[in-house]
Amino acid sequence: SCNTNQYKAQTTTDPPISSNTDVRLHSIEGFDVEKGKTWQYPIDFPLRDYQYSIVRRCLFTNTLVCLPTGLGKTFIAAVVMLNFYRWYPDGKIVFMAPTKPLVNQ
């Protein structure tokens, strides 16, 4: 379970959902249409423009993120998962890692 009261977030509609998209979203099982009109990005962490840009792209297109160690791939994944959790409150999210140290991280 995700308690969204544990972080501070900026809620945005960038890019906004068009009226055409809104019609399609009503037909997606389990999708919360009202929450799906916005997405959130934590503001209690330093803003890195490249992470914000990658998160935005990941939320609206299929994306593979390739960054060197220490540049925030796990943070990006966490923000994307947070938003999908908000959009699909009855859904499940699986986050996999190839090694135990990464799982513990």
PDB file of N, CA and C in Angstrom:
ATOM      1  N   SER A   1       0.841  -1.180   0.000  1.00  0.00           N
ATOM      2  CA  SER A   1       0.000   0.000   0.000  1.00  0.00           C
ATOM      3  C   SER A   1       0.879   1.233   0.000  1.00  0.00           C
ATOM      4  N   CYS A   2       0.463   2.239  -0.721  1.00  0.00           N
ATOM      5  CA  CYS A   2       1.236   3.470  -0.870  1.00  0.00           C
ATOM      6  C   CYS A   2       0.527   4.598  -0.154  1.00  0.00           C
ATOM      7  N   ASN A   3       1.160   5.175   0.834  1.00  0.00           N
ATOM      8  CA  ASN A   3       0.589   6.313   1.535  1.00  0.00           C
ATOM      9  C   ASN A   3       1.122   7.572   0.886  1.00  0.00           C
ATOM     10  N   THR A   4       0.291   8.245   0.093  1.00  0.00           N
ATOM     11  CA  THR A   4       0.742   9.418  -0.639  1.00  0.00           C
ATOM     12  C   THR A   4       0.888  10.640   0.248  1.00  0.00           C
ATOM     13  N   ASN A   5       0.602  10.531   1.539  1.00  0.00           N
ATOM     14  CA  ASN A   5       0.791  11.651   2.450  1.00  0.00           C
ATOM     15  C   ASN A   5       2.223  11.727   2.960  1.00  0.00           C
ATOM     16  N   GLN A   6       3.077  10.768   2.591  1.00  0.00           N
ATOM     17  CA  GLN A   6       4.432  10.720   3.107  1.00  0.00           C
ATOM     18  C   GLN A   6       5.422  11.515   2.271  1.00  0.00           C
ATOM     19  N   TYR A   7       4.996  12.169   1.226  1.00  0.00           N
ATOM     20  CA  TYR A   7       5.892  12.937   0.384  1.00  0.00           C
ATOM     21  C   TYR A   7       5.209  14.218  -0.053  1.00  0.00           C
ATOM     22  N   LYS A   8       6.017  15.188  -0.443  1.00  0.00           N
ATOM     23  CA  LYS A   8       5.482  16.422  -1.007  1.00  0.00           C
ATOM     24  C   LYS A   8       5.624  16.308  -2.511  1.00  0.00           C
ATOM     25  N   ALA A   9       4.569  16.655  -3.245  1.00  0.00           N
ATOM     26  CA  ALA A   9       4.607  16.481  -4.689  1.00  0.00           C
ATOM     27  C   ALA A   9       3.978  17.656  -5.404  1.00  0.00           C
ATOM     28  N   GLN A  10       4.499  17.901  -6.578  1.00  0.00           N
ATOM     29  CA  GLN A  10       3.918  18.869  -7.491  1.00  0.00           C
ATOM     30  C   GLN A  10       2.967  18.097  -8.390  1.00  0.00           C
ATOM     31  N   THR A  11       1.727  18.542  -8.493  1.00  0.00           N
ATOM     32  CA  THR A  11       0.761  17.896  -9.375  1.00  0.00           C
ATOM     33  C   THR A  11       0.688  18.716 -10.646  1.00  0.00           C
ATOM     34  N   THR A  12       0.797  18.042 -11.781  1.00  0.00           N
ATOM     35  CA  THR A  12       0.806  18.751 -13.049  1.00  0.00           C
ATOM     36  C   THR A  12      -0.041  18.034 -14.073  1.00  0.00           C
ATOM     37  N   THR A  13      -0.465  18.773 -15.076  1.00  0.00           N
ATOM     38  CA  THR A  13      -1.204  18.186 -16.197  1.00  0.00           C
ATOM     39  C   THR A  13      -0.364  18.279 -17.465  1.00  0.00           C
ATOM     40  N   ASP A  14       0.927  18.458 -17.344  1.00  0.00           N
ATOM     41  CA  ASP A  14       1.816  18.600 -18.492  1.00  0.00           C
ATOM     42  C   ASP A  14       2.355  17.240 -18.891  1.00  0.00           C
ATOM     43  N   PRO A  15       2.094  16.667 -20.031  1.00  0.00           N
ATOM     44  CA  PRO A  15       1.189  17.186 -21.043  1.00  0.00           C
ATOM     45  C   PRO A  15      -0.252  16.887 -20.665  1.00  0.00           C
ATOM     46  N   PRO A  16      -1.160  17.808 -20.990  1.00  0.00           N
ATOM     47  CA  PRO A  16      -2.555  17.577 -20.631  1.00  0.00           C
ATOM     48  C   PRO A  16      -3.160  16.432 -21.430  1.00  0.00           C
ATOM     49  N   ILE A  17      -4.159  15.817 -20.858  1.00  0.00           N
ATOM     50  CA  ILE A  17      -4.875  14.769 -21.565  1.00  0.00           C
ATOM     51  C   ILE A  17      -5.912  15.443 -22.453  1.00  0.00           C
ATOM     52  N   SER A  18      -5.859  15.158 -23.734  1.00  0.00           N
ATOM     53  CA  SER A  18      -6.803  15.765 -24.664  1.00  0.00           C
ATOM     54  C   SER A  18      -8.179  15.144 -24.510  1.00  0.00           C
ATOM     55  N   SER A  19      -9.167  15.779 -25.086  1.00  0.00           N
ATOM     56  CA  SER A  19     -10.524  15.243 -24.992  1.00  0.00           C
ATOM     57  C   SER A  19     -10.617  13.892 -25.689  1.00  0.00           C
ATOM     58  N   ASN A  20      -9.855  13.668 -26.766  1.00  0.00           N
ATOM     59  CA  ASN A  20      -9.859  12.363 -27.442  1.00  0.00           C
ATOM     60  C   ASN A  20      -9.309  11.283 -26.525  1.00  0.00           C
ATOM     61  N   THR A  21      -8.224  11.586 -25.822  1.00  0.00           N
ATOM     62  CA  THR A  21      -7.623  10.626 -24.907  1.00  0.00           C
ATOM     63  C   THR A  21      -8.577  10.340 -23.759  1.00  0.00           C
ATOM     64  N   ASP A  22      -9.248  11.378 -23.255  1.00  0.00           N
ATOM     65  CA  ASP A  22     -10.152  11.212 -22.130  1.00  0.00           C
ATOM     66  C   ASP A  22     -11.246  10.192 -22.443  1.00  0.00           C
ATOM     67  N   VAL A  23     -11.744  10.186 -23.673  1.00  0.00           N
ATOM     68  CA  VAL A  23     -12.776   9.231 -24.064  1.00  0.00           C
ATOM     69  C   VAL A  23     -12.219   7.813 -23.994  1.00  0.00           C
ATOM     70  N   ARG A  24     -11.006   7.597 -24.476  1.00  0.00           N
ATOM     71  CA  ARG A  24     -10.401   6.263 -24.437  1.00  0.00           C
ATOM     72  C   ARG A  24     -10.131   5.810 -23.005  1.00  0.00           C
ATOM     73  N   LEU A  25      -9.766   6.731 -22.112  1.00  0.00           N
ATOM     74  CA  LEU A  25      -9.430   6.364 -20.740  1.00  0.00           C
ATOM     75  C   LEU A  25     -10.633   5.823 -19.984  1.00  0.00           C
ATOM     76  N   HIS A  26     -11.821   6.280 -20.311  1.00  0.00           N
ATOM     77  CA  HIS A  26     -13.020   5.777 -19.641  1.00  0.00           C
ATOM     78  C   HIS A  26     -13.207   4.284 -19.874  1.00  0.00           C
ATOM     79  N   SER A  27     -12.630   3.768 -20.950  1.00  0.00           N
ATOM     80  CA  SER A  27     -12.834   2.357 -21.275  1.00  0.00           C
ATOM     81  C   SER A  27     -11.725   1.452 -20.723  1.00  0.00           C
ATOM     82  N   ILE A  28     -10.721   2.011 -20.048  1.00  0.00           N
ATOM     83  CA  ILE A  28      -9.645   1.205 -19.493  1.00  0.00           C
ATOM     84  C   ILE A  28     -10.059   0.720 -18.106  1.00  0.00           C
ATOM     85  N   GLU A  29     -10.135  -0.595 -17.949  1.00  0.00           N
ATOM     86  CA  GLU A  29     -10.579  -1.169 -16.682  1.00  0.00           C
ATOM     87  C   GLU A  29      -9.620  -0.809 -15.551  1.00  0.00           C
ATOM     88  N   GLY A  30     -10.178  -0.299 -14.452  1.00  0.00           N
ATOM     89  CA  GLY A  30      -9.387   0.008 -13.272  1.00  0.00           C
ATOM     90  C   GLY A  30      -8.726   1.372 -13.280  1.00  0.00           C
ATOM     91  N   PHE A  31      -8.845   2.117 -14.377  1.00  0.00           N
ATOM     92  CA  PHE A  31      -8.192   3.419 -14.484  1.00  0.00           C
ATOM     93  C   PHE A  31      -9.034   4.478 -13.789  1.00  0.00           C
ATOM     94  N   ASP A  32      -8.409   5.256 -12.884  1.00  0.00           N
ATOM     95  CA  ASP A  32      -9.086   6.353 -12.199  1.00  0.00           C
ATOM     96  C   ASP A  32      -8.985   7.588 -13.097  1.00  0.00           C
ATOM     97  N   VAL A  33     -10.066   7.910 -13.781  1.00  0.00           N
ATOM     98  CA  VAL A  33     -10.053   8.965 -14.797  1.00  0.00           C
ATOM     99  C   VAL A  33      -9.687  10.314 -14.193  1.00  0.00           C
ATOM    100  N   GLU A  34     -10.215  10.654 -13.038  1.00  0.00           N
ATOM    101  CA  GLU A  34      -9.910  11.953 -12.428  1.00  0.00           C
ATOM    102  C   GLU A  34      -8.428  12.065 -12.061  1.00  0.00           C
ATOM    103  N   LYS A  35      -7.883  11.052 -11.408  1.00  0.00           N
ATOM    104  CA  LYS A  35      -6.462  11.090 -11.053  1.00  0.00           C
ATOM    105  C   LYS A  35      -5.586  10.983 -12.296  1.00  0.00           C
ATOM    106  N   GLY A  36      -6.097  10.337 -13.329  1.00  0.00           N
ATOM    107  CA  GLY A  36      -5.347  10.173 -14.568  1.00  0.00           C
ATOM    108  C   GLY A  36      -5.174  11.454 -15.358  1.00  0.00           C
ATOM    109  N   LYS A  37      -5.898  12.489 -14.992  1.00  0.00           N
ATOM    110  CA  LYS A  37      -5.756  13.780 -15.676  1.00  0.00           C
ATOM    111  C   LYS A  37      -4.534  14.553 -15.189  1.00  0.00           C
ATOM    112  N   THR A  38      -3.917  14.072 -14.103  1.00  0.00           N
ATOM    113  CA  THR A  38      -2.724  14.728 -13.566  1.00  0.00           C
ATOM    114  C   THR A  38      -1.670  13.671 -13.249  1.00  0.00           C
ATOM    115  N   TRP A  39      -0.455  14.140 -13.042  1.00  0.00           N
ATOM    116  CA  TRP A  39       0.607  13.261 -12.561  1.00  0.00           C
ATOM    117  C   TRP A  39       1.405  14.032 -11.534  1.00  0.00           C
ATOM    118  N   GLN A  40       2.120  13.294 -10.680  1.00  0.00           N
ATOM    119  CA  GLN A  40       2.841  13.929  -9.581  1.00  0.00           C
ATOM    120  C   GLN A  40       4.338  13.673  -9.683  1.00  0.00           C
ATOM    121  N   TYR A  41       5.091  14.687  -9.232  1.00  0.00           N
ATOM    122  CA  TYR A  41       6.545  14.593  -9.166  1.00  0.00           C
ATOM    123  C   TYR A  41       6.961  15.108  -7.789  1.00  0.00           C
ATOM    124  N   PRO A  42       7.722  14.328  -7.022  1.00  0.00           N
ATOM    125  CA  PRO A  42       8.117  14.754  -5.670  1.00  0.00           C
ATOM    126  C   PRO A  42       8.912  16.054  -5.680  1.00  0.00           C
ATOM    127  N   ILE A  43       8.605  16.928  -4.731  1.00  0.00           N
ATOM    128  CA  ILE A  43       9.343  18.190  -4.618  1.00  0.00           C
ATOM    129  C   ILE A  43      10.205  18.225  -3.372  1.00  0.00           C
ATOM    130  N   ASP A  44      10.228  17.126  -2.600  1.00  0.00           N
ATOM    131  CA  ASP A  44      11.069  17.109  -1.409  1.00  0.00           C
ATOM    132  C   ASP A  44      12.420  16.456  -1.696  1.00  0.00           C
ATOM    133  N   PHE A  45      12.780  16.378  -2.980  1.00  0.00           N
ATOM    134  CA  PHE A  45      14.100  15.940  -3.441  1.00  0.00           C
ATOM    135  C   PHE A  45      14.623  17.016  -4.382  1.00  0.00           C
ATOM    136  N   PRO A  46      15.946  17.140  -4.523  1.00  0.00           N
ATOM    137  CA  PRO A  46      16.467  18.135  -5.461  1.00  0.00           C
ATOM    138  C   PRO A  46      15.942  17.867  -6.875  1.00  0.00           C
ATOM    139  N   LEU A  47      15.504  18.924  -7.554  1.00  0.00           N
ATOM    140  CA  LEU A  47      14.991  18.784  -8.909  1.00  0.00           C
ATOM    141  C   LEU A  47      16.159  18.664  -9.881  1.00  0.00           C
ATOM    142  N   ARG A  48      16.177  17.568 -10.594  1.00  0.00           N
ATOM    143  CA  ARG A  48      17.139  17.371 -11.673  1.00  0.00           C
ATOM    144  C   ARG A  48      16.330  17.357 -12.959  1.00  0.00           C
ATOM    145  N   ASP A  49      16.566  18.346 -13.807  1.00  0.00           N
ATOM    146  CA  ASP A  49      15.754  18.512 -15.014  1.00  0.00           C
ATOM    147  C   ASP A  49      15.706  17.255 -15.878  1.00  0.00           C
ATOM    148  N   TYR A  50      16.832  16.553 -15.995  1.00  0.00           N
ATOM    149  CA  TYR A  50      16.847  15.368 -16.847  1.00  0.00           C
ATOM    150  C   TYR A  50      15.956  14.264 -16.267  1.00  0.00           C
ATOM    151  N   GLN A  51      15.898  14.139 -14.916  1.00  0.00           N
ATOM    152  CA  GLN A  51      15.026  13.139 -14.306  1.00  0.00           C
ATOM    153  C   GLN A  51      13.561  13.501 -14.532  1.00  0.00           C
ATOM    154  N   TYR A  52      13.227  14.769 -14.356  1.00  0.00           N
ATOM    155  CA  TYR A  52      11.858  15.231 -14.578  1.00  0.00           C
ATOM    156  C   TYR A  52      11.431  14.934 -16.016  1.00  0.00           C
ATOM    157  N   SER A  53      12.302  15.251 -16.940  1.00  0.00           N
ATOM    158  CA  SER A  53      12.013  15.027 -18.358  1.00  0.00           C
ATOM    159  C   SER A  53      11.832  13.541 -18.670  1.00  0.00           C
ATOM    160  N   ILE A  54      12.691  12.701 -18.100  1.00  0.00           N
ATOM    161  CA  ILE A  54      12.595  11.251 -18.326  1.00  0.00           C
ATOM    162  C   ILE A  54      11.313  10.700 -17.704  1.00  0.00           C
ATOM    163  N   VAL A  55      10.972  11.141 -16.489  1.00  0.00           N
ATOM    164  CA  VAL A  55       9.740  10.680 -15.843  1.00  0.00           C
ATOM    165  C   VAL A  55       8.545  11.027 -16.723  1.00  0.00           C
ATOM    166  N   ARG A  56       8.488  12.268 -17.178  1.00  0.00           N
ATOM    167  CA  ARG A  56       7.365  12.699 -18.019  1.00  0.00           C
ATOM    168  C   ARG A  56       7.251  11.837 -19.268  1.00  0.00           C
ATOM    169  N   ARG A  57       8.379  11.552 -19.892  1.00  0.00           N
ATOM    170  CA  ARG A  57       8.365  10.719 -21.092  1.00  0.00           C
ATOM    171  C   ARG A  57       7.918   9.290 -20.756  1.00  0.00           C
ATOM    172  N   CYS A  58       8.417   8.742 -19.635  1.00  0.00           N
ATOM    173  CA  CYS A  58       8.060   7.370 -19.235  1.00  0.00           C
ATOM    174  C   CYS A  58       6.573   7.214 -18.964  1.00  0.00           C
ATOM    175  N   LEU A  59       5.948   8.268 -18.453  1.00  0.00           N
ATOM    176  CA  LEU A  59       4.535   8.183 -18.104  1.00  0.00           C
ATOM    177  C   LEU A  59       3.629   8.110 -19.325  1.00  0.00           C
ATOM    178  N   PHE A  60       4.096   8.630 -20.451  1.00  0.00           N
ATOM    179  CA  PHE A  60       3.220   8.752 -21.611  1.00  0.00           C
ATOM    180  C   PHE A  60       3.699   8.010 -22.851  1.00  0.00           C
ATOM    181  N   THR A  61       4.880   7.388 -22.790  1.00  0.00           N
ATOM    182  CA  THR A  61       5.372   6.601 -23.921  1.00  0.00           C
ATOM    183  C   THR A  61       6.178   5.417 -23.381  1.00  0.00           C
ATOM    184  N   ASN A  62       6.303   4.376 -24.175  1.00  0.00           N
ATOM    185  CA  ASN A  62       7.169   3.257 -23.803  1.00  0.00           C
ATOM    186  C   ASN A  62       8.605   3.756 -23.815  1.00  0.00           C
ATOM    187  N   THR A  63       9.338   3.490 -22.744  1.00  0.00           N
ATOM    188  CA  THR A  63      10.669   4.073 -22.590  1.00  0.00           C
ATOM    189  C   THR A  63      11.626   3.077 -21.943  1.00  0.00           C
ATOM    190  N   LEU A  64      12.859   3.068 -22.423  1.00  0.00           N
ATOM    191  CA  LEU A  64      13.945   2.330 -21.791  1.00  0.00           C
ATOM    192  C   LEU A  64      14.935   3.369 -21.292  1.00  0.00           C
ATOM    193  N   VAL A  65      15.208   3.385 -19.985  1.00  0.00           N
ATOM    194  CA  VAL A  65      16.096   4.384 -19.387  1.00  0.00           C
ATOM    195  C   VAL A  65      17.475   3.783 -19.212  1.00  0.00           C
ATOM    196  N   CYS A  66      18.468   4.396 -19.838  1.00  0.00           N
ATOM    197  CA  CYS A  66      19.874   3.970 -19.732  1.00  0.00           C
ATOM    198  C   CYS A  66      20.683   5.147 -19.208  1.00  0.00           C
ATOM    199  N   LEU A  67      21.078   5.071 -17.949  1.00  0.00           N
ATOM    200  CA  LEU A  67      21.881   6.119 -17.318  1.00  0.00           C
ATOM    201  C   LEU A  67      23.017   5.466 -16.547  1.00  0.00           C
ATOM    202  N   PRO A  68      24.146   6.170 -16.392  1.00  0.00           N
ATOM    203  CA  PRO A  68      25.228   5.641 -15.570  1.00  0.00           C
ATOM    204  C   PRO A  68      24.801   5.491 -14.108  1.00  0.00           C
ATOM    205  N   THR A  69      25.555   4.701 -13.371  1.00  0.00           N
ATOM    206  CA  THR A  69      25.311   4.480 -11.951  1.00  0.00           C
ATOM    207  C   THR A  69      25.263   5.805 -11.203  1.00  0.00           C
ATOM    208  N   GLY A  70      24.272   5.931 -10.315  1.00  0.00           N
ATOM    209  CA  GLY A  70      24.188   7.105  -9.460  1.00  0.00           C
ATOM    210  C   GLY A  70      23.414   8.277 -10.023  1.00  0.00           C
ATOM    211  N   LEU A  71      22.803   8.135 -11.196  1.00  0.00           N
ATOM    212  CA  LEU A  71      22.081   9.264 -11.781  1.00  0.00           C
ATOM    213  C   LEU A  71      20.568   9.177 -11.612  1.00  0.00           C
ATOM    214  N   GLY A  72      20.082   8.184 -10.843  1.00  0.00           N
ATOM    215  CA  GLY A  72      18.690   8.212 -10.441  1.00  0.00           C
ATOM    216  C   GLY A  72      17.715   7.339 -11.199  1.00  0.00           C
ATOM    217  N   LYS A  73      18.175   6.228 -11.737  1.00  0.00           N
ATOM    218  CA  LYS A  73      17.234   5.323 -12.423  1.00  0.00           C
ATOM    219  C   LYS A  73      16.185   4.787 -11.454  1.00  0.00           C
ATOM    220  N   THR A  74      16.585   4.447 -10.232  1.00  0.00           N
ATOM    221  CA  THR A  74      15.641   3.929  -9.243  1.00  0.00           C
ATOM    222  C   THR A  74      14.641   5.013  -8.848  1.00  0.00           C
ATOM    223  N   PHE A  75      15.098   6.235  -8.687  1.00  0.00           N
ATOM    224  CA  PHE A  75      14.198   7.352  -8.376  1.00  0.00           C
ATOM    225  C   PHE A  75      13.186   7.545  -9.496  1.00  0.00           C
ATOM    226  N   ILE A  76      13.648   7.523 -10.732  1.00  0.00           N
ATOM    227  CA  ILE A  76      12.758   7.670 -11.888  1.00  0.00           C
ATOM    228  C   ILE A  76      11.707   6.566 -11.877  1.00  0.00           C
ATOM    229  N   ALA A  77      12.151   5.327 -11.659  1.00  0.00           N
ATOM    230  CA  ALA A  77      11.214   4.201 -11.617  1.00  0.00           C
ATOM    231  C   ALA A  77      10.200   4.382 -10.492  1.00  0.00           C
ATOM    232  N   ALA A  78      10.640   4.861  -9.334  1.00  0.00           N
ATOM    233  CA  ALA A  78       9.742   5.046  -8.197  1.00  0.00           C
ATOM    234  C   ALA A  78       8.670   6.099  -8.497  1.00  0.00           C
ATOM    235  N   VAL A  79       9.045   7.179  -9.156  1.00  0.00           N
ATOM    236  CA  VAL A  79       8.072   8.225  -9.493  1.00  0.00           C
ATOM    237  C   VAL A  79       7.070   7.703 -10.521  1.00  0.00           C
ATOM    238  N   VAL A  80       7.548   6.954 -11.486  1.00  0.00           N
ATOM    239  CA  VAL A  80       6.642   6.369 -12.481  1.00  0.00           C
ATOM    240  C   VAL A  80       5.682   5.396 -11.794  1.00  0.00           C
ATOM    241  N   MET A  81       6.208   4.551 -10.904  1.00  0.00           N
ATOM    242  CA  MET A  81       5.348   3.604 -10.191  1.00  0.00           C
ATOM    243  C   MET A  81       4.325   4.327  -9.318  1.00  0.00           C
ATOM    244  N   LEU A  82       4.729   5.403  -8.655  1.00  0.00           N
ATOM    245  CA  LEU A  82       3.805   6.182  -7.840  1.00  0.00           C
ATOM    246  C   LEU A  82       2.616   6.644  -8.672  1.00  0.00           C
ATOM    247  N   ASN A  83       2.896   7.166  -9.851  1.00  0.00           N
ATOM    248  CA  ASN A  83       1.818   7.674 -10.692  1.00  0.00           C
ATOM    249  C   ASN A  83       0.925   6.560 -11.220  1.00  0.00           C
ATOM    250  N   PHE A  84       1.515   5.448 -11.610  1.00  0.00           N
ATOM    251  CA  PHE A  84       0.685   4.333 -12.061  1.00  0.00           C
ATOM    252  C   PHE A  84      -0.148   3.783 -10.913  1.00  0.00           C
ATOM    253  N   TYR A  85       0.386   3.819  -9.691  1.00  0.00           N
ATOM    254  CA  TYR A  85      -0.392   3.393  -8.516  1.00  0.00           C
ATOM    255  C   TYR A  85      -1.591   4.318  -8.315  1.00  0.00           C
ATOM    256  N   ARG A  86      -1.381   5.624  -8.491  1.00  0.00           N
ATOM    257  CA  ARG A  86      -2.481   6.583  -8.375  1.00  0.00           C
ATOM    258  C   ARG A  86      -3.520   6.343  -9.465  1.00  0.00           C
ATOM    259  N   TRP A  87      -3.058   6.080 -10.681  1.00  0.00           N
ATOM    260  CA  TRP A  87      -3.967   5.940 -11.821  1.00  0.00           C
ATOM    261  C   TRP A  87      -4.731   4.619 -11.796  1.00  0.00           C
ATOM    262  N   TYR A  88      -4.108   3.572 -11.292  1.00  0.00           N
ATOM    263  CA  TYR A  88      -4.715   2.233 -11.225  1.00  0.00           C
ATOM    264  C   TYR A  88      -4.701   1.749  -9.773  1.00  0.00           C
ATOM    265  N   PRO A  89      -5.547   2.311  -8.916  1.00  0.00           N
ATOM    266  CA  PRO A  89      -5.471   2.006  -7.480  1.00  0.00           C
ATOM    267  C   PRO A  89      -5.698   0.539  -7.127  1.00  0.00           C
ATOM    268  N   ASP A  90      -6.352  -0.221  -7.976  1.00  0.00           N
ATOM    269  CA  ASP A  90      -6.566  -1.635  -7.689  1.00  0.00           C
ATOM    270  C   ASP A  90      -5.569  -2.534  -8.414  1.00  0.00           C
ATOM    271  N   GLY A  91      -4.643  -1.919  -9.151  1.00  0.00           N
ATOM    272  CA  GLY A  91      -3.661  -2.693  -9.912  1.00  0.00           C
ATOM    273  C   GLY A  91      -2.488  -3.134  -9.060  1.00  0.00           C
ATOM    274  N   LYS A  92      -1.588  -3.840  -9.669  1.00  0.00           N
ATOM    275  CA  LYS A  92      -0.367  -4.310  -8.999  1.00  0.00           C
ATOM    276  C   LYS A  92       0.839  -3.806  -9.786  1.00  0.00           C
ATOM    277  N   ILE A  93       1.903  -3.498  -9.072  1.00  0.00           N
ATOM    278  CA  ILE A  93       3.146  -3.043  -9.686  1.00  0.00           C
ATOM    279  C   ILE A  93       4.244  -4.003  -9.263  1.00  0.00           C
ATOM    280  N   VAL A  94       5.022  -4.472 -10.218  1.00  0.00           N
ATOM    281  CA  VAL A  94       6.138  -5.366  -9.930  1.00  0.00           C
ATOM    282  C   VAL A  94       7.423  -4.640 -10.317  1.00  0.00           C
ATOM    283  N   PHE A  95       8.327  -4.510  -9.363  1.00  0.00           N
ATOM    284  CA  PHE A  95       9.637  -3.888  -9.606  1.00  0.00           C
ATOM    285  C   PHE A  95      10.683  -4.968  -9.403  1.00  0.00           C
ATOM    286  N   MET A  96      11.416  -5.277 -10.445  1.00  0.00           N
ATOM    287  CA  MET A  96      12.397  -6.362 -10.373  1.00  0.00           C
ATOM    288  C   MET A  96      13.813  -5.805 -10.492  1.00  0.00           C
ATOM    289  N   ALA A  97      14.740  -6.485  -9.848  1.00  0.00           N
ATOM    290  CA  ALA A  97      16.147  -6.114  -9.910  1.00  0.00           C
ATOM    291  C   ALA A  97      16.978  -7.386 -10.056  1.00  0.00           C
ATOM    292  N   PRO A  98      18.119  -7.300 -10.744  1.00  0.00           N
ATOM    293  CA  PRO A  98      18.897  -8.507 -11.031  1.00  0.00           C
ATOM    294  C   PRO A  98      19.779  -9.010  -9.883  1.00  0.00           C
ATOM    295  N   THR A  99      19.989  -8.192  -8.844  1.00  0.00           N
ATOM    296  CA  THR A  99      20.864  -8.625  -7.749  1.00  0.00           C
ATOM    297  C   THR A  99      20.239  -8.284  -6.399  1.00  0.00           C
ATOM    298  N   LYS A 100      20.644  -9.017  -5.346  1.00  0.00           N
ATOM    299  CA  LYS A 100      20.115  -8.757  -3.999  1.00  0.00           C
ATOM    300  C   LYS A 100      20.458  -7.349  -3.501  1.00  0.00           C
ATOM    301  N   PRO A 101      21.682  -6.835  -3.732  1.00  0.00           N
ATOM    302  CA  PRO A 101      21.971  -5.473  -3.267  1.00  0.00           C
ATOM    303  C   PRO A 101      21.037  -4.425  -3.885  1.00  0.00           C
ATOM    304  N   LEU A 102      20.684  -4.598  -5.149  1.00  0.00           N
ATOM    305  CA  LEU A 102      19.754  -3.674  -5.763  1.00  0.00           C
ATOM    306  C   LEU A 102      18.357  -3.798  -5.165  1.00  0.00           C
ATOM    307  N   VAL A 103      17.966  -5.001  -4.831  1.00  0.00           N
ATOM    308  CA  VAL A 103      16.658  -5.217  -4.195  1.00  0.00           C
ATOM    309  C   VAL A 103      16.650  -4.516  -2.837  1.00  0.00           C
ATOM    310  N   ASN A 104      17.725  -4.636  -2.061  1.00  0.00           N
ATOM    311  CA  ASN A 104      17.811  -4.025  -0.741  1.00  0.00           C
ATOM    312  C   ASN A 104      17.836  -2.489  -0.823  1.00  0.00           C
ATOM    313  N   GLN A 105      18.301  -1.986  -1.927  1.00  0.00           N
ATOM    314  CA  GLN A 105      18.403  -0.534  -2.111  1.00  0.00           C
ATOM    315  C   GLN A 105      17.012   0.062  -2.079  1.00  0.00           C
TER     316      GLN A 105
END
